Amino acid sequence: MYLDSAKKQELFEKYGKAKSAKDTGSAESQIALFTFRIAHLTEHLKANHKDHGTERSLKMLVGKRRRLLDYLIQVDIERYRSIIKELGIRK
């Protein structure tokens, strides 16, 4: 499987607000997890362009990430800027 529990723990440690593996609920860690999943689904859709179920899932994930990023802008713009820079989401 592309996303096992060890990979999740690594993402949460690297991008979490408290920099611990137990910080699974912060906006930064959720955004990092969604970004990893979005990248995987995007690669899948490049090879399987007729997979409409995956396409729908990808669109829903992008929407969830967008809502979390919008929340982060309202709460703390510096946290938003740092997570965008770390993940390389924007140009």
C-alpha atoms as a PDB file:
ATOM      1  CA  MET A   1       0.000   0.000   0.000  1.00  0.00           C
ATOM      2  CA  TYR A   2       1.296   3.455  -0.822  1.00  0.00           C
ATOM      3  CA  LEU A   3       0.365   5.003   2.535  1.00  0.00           C
ATOM      4  CA  ASP A   4       1.095   2.797   5.527  1.00  0.00           C
ATOM      5  CA  SER A   5       1.114   3.836   9.172  1.00  0.00           C
ATOM      6  CA  ALA A   6       4.890   4.404   9.180  1.00  0.00           C
ATOM      7  CA  LYS A   7       4.609   6.895   6.307  1.00  0.00           C
ATOM      8  CA  LYS A   8       1.751   8.681   8.090  1.00  0.00           C
ATOM      9  CA  GLN A   9       3.808   8.936  11.289  1.00  0.00           C
ATOM     10  CA  GLU A  10       6.704  10.368   9.284  1.00  0.00           C
ATOM     11  CA  LEU A  11       4.443  13.009   7.717  1.00  0.00           C
ATOM     12  CA  PHE A  12       2.947  13.953  11.088  1.00  0.00           C
ATOM     13  CA  GLU A  13       6.386  14.265  12.693  1.00  0.00           C
ATOM     14  CA  LYS A  14       7.740  16.389   9.873  1.00  0.00           C
ATOM     15  CA  TYR A  15       4.824  18.766   9.323  1.00  0.00           C
ATOM     16  CA  GLY A  16       2.824  18.607  12.553  1.00  0.00           C
ATOM     17  CA  LYS A  17       2.427  21.692  14.692  1.00  0.00           C
ATOM     18  CA  ALA A  18       3.966  20.041  17.761  1.00  0.00           C
ATOM     19  CA  LYS A  19       6.539  18.146  15.631  1.00  0.00           C
ATOM     20  CA  SER A  20       5.469  14.837  17.148  1.00  0.00           C
ATOM     21  CA  ALA A  21       3.938  11.719  15.662  1.00  0.00           C
ATOM     22  CA  LYS A  22       0.872  12.121  17.868  1.00  0.00           C
ATOM     23  CA  ASP A  23      -0.063  15.474  16.326  1.00  0.00           C
ATOM     24  CA  THR A  24      -2.527  14.137  13.774  1.00  0.00           C
ATOM     25  CA  GLY A  25      -5.207  16.791  14.059  1.00  0.00           C
ATOM     26  CA  SER A  26      -3.389  20.031  13.361  1.00  0.00           C
ATOM     27  CA  ALA A  27      -4.151  21.768  10.098  1.00  0.00           C
ATOM     28  CA  GLU A  28      -0.532  21.511   8.956  1.00  0.00           C
ATOM     29  CA  SER A  29      -0.350  17.755   9.402  1.00  0.00           C
ATOM     30  CA  GLN A  30      -3.700  17.225   7.679  1.00  0.00           C
ATOM     31  CA  ILE A  31      -2.656  19.430   4.757  1.00  0.00           C
ATOM     32  CA  ALA A  32       0.586  17.459   4.402  1.00  0.00           C
ATOM     33  CA  LEU A  33      -1.307  14.166   4.430  1.00  0.00           C
ATOM     34  CA  PHE A  34      -3.808  15.411   1.839  1.00  0.00           C
ATOM     35  CA  THR A  35      -0.973  16.710  -0.349  1.00  0.00           C
ATOM     36  CA  PHE A  36       0.732  13.310  -0.286  1.00  0.00           C
ATOM     37  CA  ARG A  37      -2.532  11.566  -1.196  1.00  0.00           C
ATOM     38  CA  ILE A  38      -3.295  14.115  -3.940  1.00  0.00           C
ATOM     39  CA  ALA A  39       0.126  13.525  -5.507  1.00  0.00           C
ATOM     40  CA  HIS A  40      -0.443   9.763  -5.478  1.00  0.00           C
ATOM     41  CA  LEU A  41      -3.917  10.010  -7.023  1.00  0.00           C
ATOM     42  CA  THR A  42      -2.665  12.431  -9.665  1.00  0.00           C
ATOM     43  CA  GLU A  43      -0.023   9.929 -10.753  1.00  0.00           C
ATOM     44  CA  HIS A  44      -2.647   7.177 -10.810  1.00  0.00           C
ATOM     45  CA  LEU A  45      -4.939   9.252 -13.022  1.00  0.00           C
ATOM     46  CA  LYS A  46      -2.146   9.974 -15.496  1.00  0.00           C
ATOM     47  CA  ALA A  47      -2.021   6.251 -16.246  1.00  0.00           C
ATOM     48  CA  ASN A  48      -5.755   5.547 -15.796  1.00  0.00           C
ATOM     49  CA  HIS A  49      -7.567   8.533 -17.227  1.00  0.00           C
ATOM     50  CA  LYS A  50     -10.952   6.785 -17.354  1.00  0.00           C
ATOM     51  CA  ASP A  51     -11.053   6.061 -13.611  1.00  0.00           C
ATOM     52  CA  HIS A  52     -13.863   8.455 -12.727  1.00  0.00           C
ATOM     53  CA  GLY A  53     -14.219   7.271  -9.125  1.00  0.00           C
ATOM     54  CA  THR A  54     -10.640   8.201  -8.397  1.00  0.00           C
ATOM     55  CA  GLU A  55     -11.113  11.491 -10.213  1.00  0.00           C
ATOM     56  CA  ARG A  56     -14.029  12.324  -7.941  1.00  0.00           C
ATOM     57  CA  SER A  57     -12.017  11.354  -4.861  1.00  0.00           C
ATOM     58  CA  LEU A  58      -9.168  13.570  -6.019  1.00  0.00           C
ATOM     59  CA  LYS A  59     -11.496  16.536  -6.452  1.00  0.00           C
ATOM     60  CA  MET A  60     -12.928  16.008  -2.962  1.00  0.00           C
ATOM     61  CA  LEU A  61      -9.436  15.823  -1.453  1.00  0.00           C
ATOM     62  CA  VAL A  62      -8.387  19.018  -3.200  1.00  0.00           C
ATOM     63  CA  GLY A  63     -11.513  20.708  -1.802  1.00  0.00           C
ATOM     64  CA  LYS A  64     -10.756  19.509   1.723  1.00  0.00           C
ATOM     65  CA  ARG A  65      -7.198  20.776   1.463  1.00  0.00           C
ATOM     66  CA  ARG A  66      -8.442  24.102   0.094  1.00  0.00           C
ATOM     67  CA  ARG A  67     -10.845  24.513   3.043  1.00  0.00           C
ATOM     68  CA  LEU A  68      -8.076  23.752   5.524  1.00  0.00           C
ATOM     69  CA  LEU A  69      -5.785  26.257   3.823  1.00  0.00           C
ATOM     70  CA  ASP A  70      -8.542  28.883   3.913  1.00  0.00           C
ATOM     71  CA  TYR A  71      -9.002  28.219   7.630  1.00  0.00           C
ATOM     72  CA  LEU A  72      -5.269  28.545   8.212  1.00  0.00           C
ATOM     73  CA  ILE A  73      -5.198  31.901   6.382  1.00  0.00           C
ATOM     74  CA  GLN A  74      -7.914  33.250   8.694  1.00  0.00           C
ATOM     75  CA  VAL A  75      -6.349  31.914  11.900  1.00  0.00           C
ATOM     76  CA  ASP A  76      -2.617  32.486  11.364  1.00  0.00           C
ATOM     77  CA  ILE A  77      -1.146  33.738   8.088  1.00  0.00           C
ATOM     78  CA  GLU A  78       2.412  32.834   9.119  1.00  0.00           C
ATOM     79  CA  ARG A  79       1.515  29.173   9.639  1.00  0.00           C
ATOM     80  CA  TYR A  80      -0.140  29.238   6.207  1.00  0.00           C
ATOM     81  CA  ARG A  81       2.937  30.710   4.553  1.00  0.00           C
ATOM     82  CA  SER A  82       5.277  28.227   6.214  1.00  0.00           C
ATOM     83  CA  ILE A  83       3.248  25.137   5.236  1.00  0.00           C
ATOM     84  CA  ILE A  84       2.870  26.384   1.656  1.00  0.00           C
ATOM     85  CA  LYS A  85       6.613  26.917   1.437  1.00  0.00           C
ATOM     86  CA  GLU A  86       7.500  23.547   2.988  1.00  0.00           C
ATOM     87  CA  LEU A  87       5.148  21.565   0.756  1.00  0.00           C
ATOM     88  CA  GLY A  88       5.746  23.603  -2.372  1.00  0.00           C
ATOM     89  CA  ILE A  89       2.039  23.873  -3.150  1.00  0.00           C
ATOM     90  CA  ARG A  90       2.113  27.372  -4.656  1.00  0.00           C
ATOM     91  CA  LYS A  91       4.512  28.846  -7.160  1.00  0.00           C
END
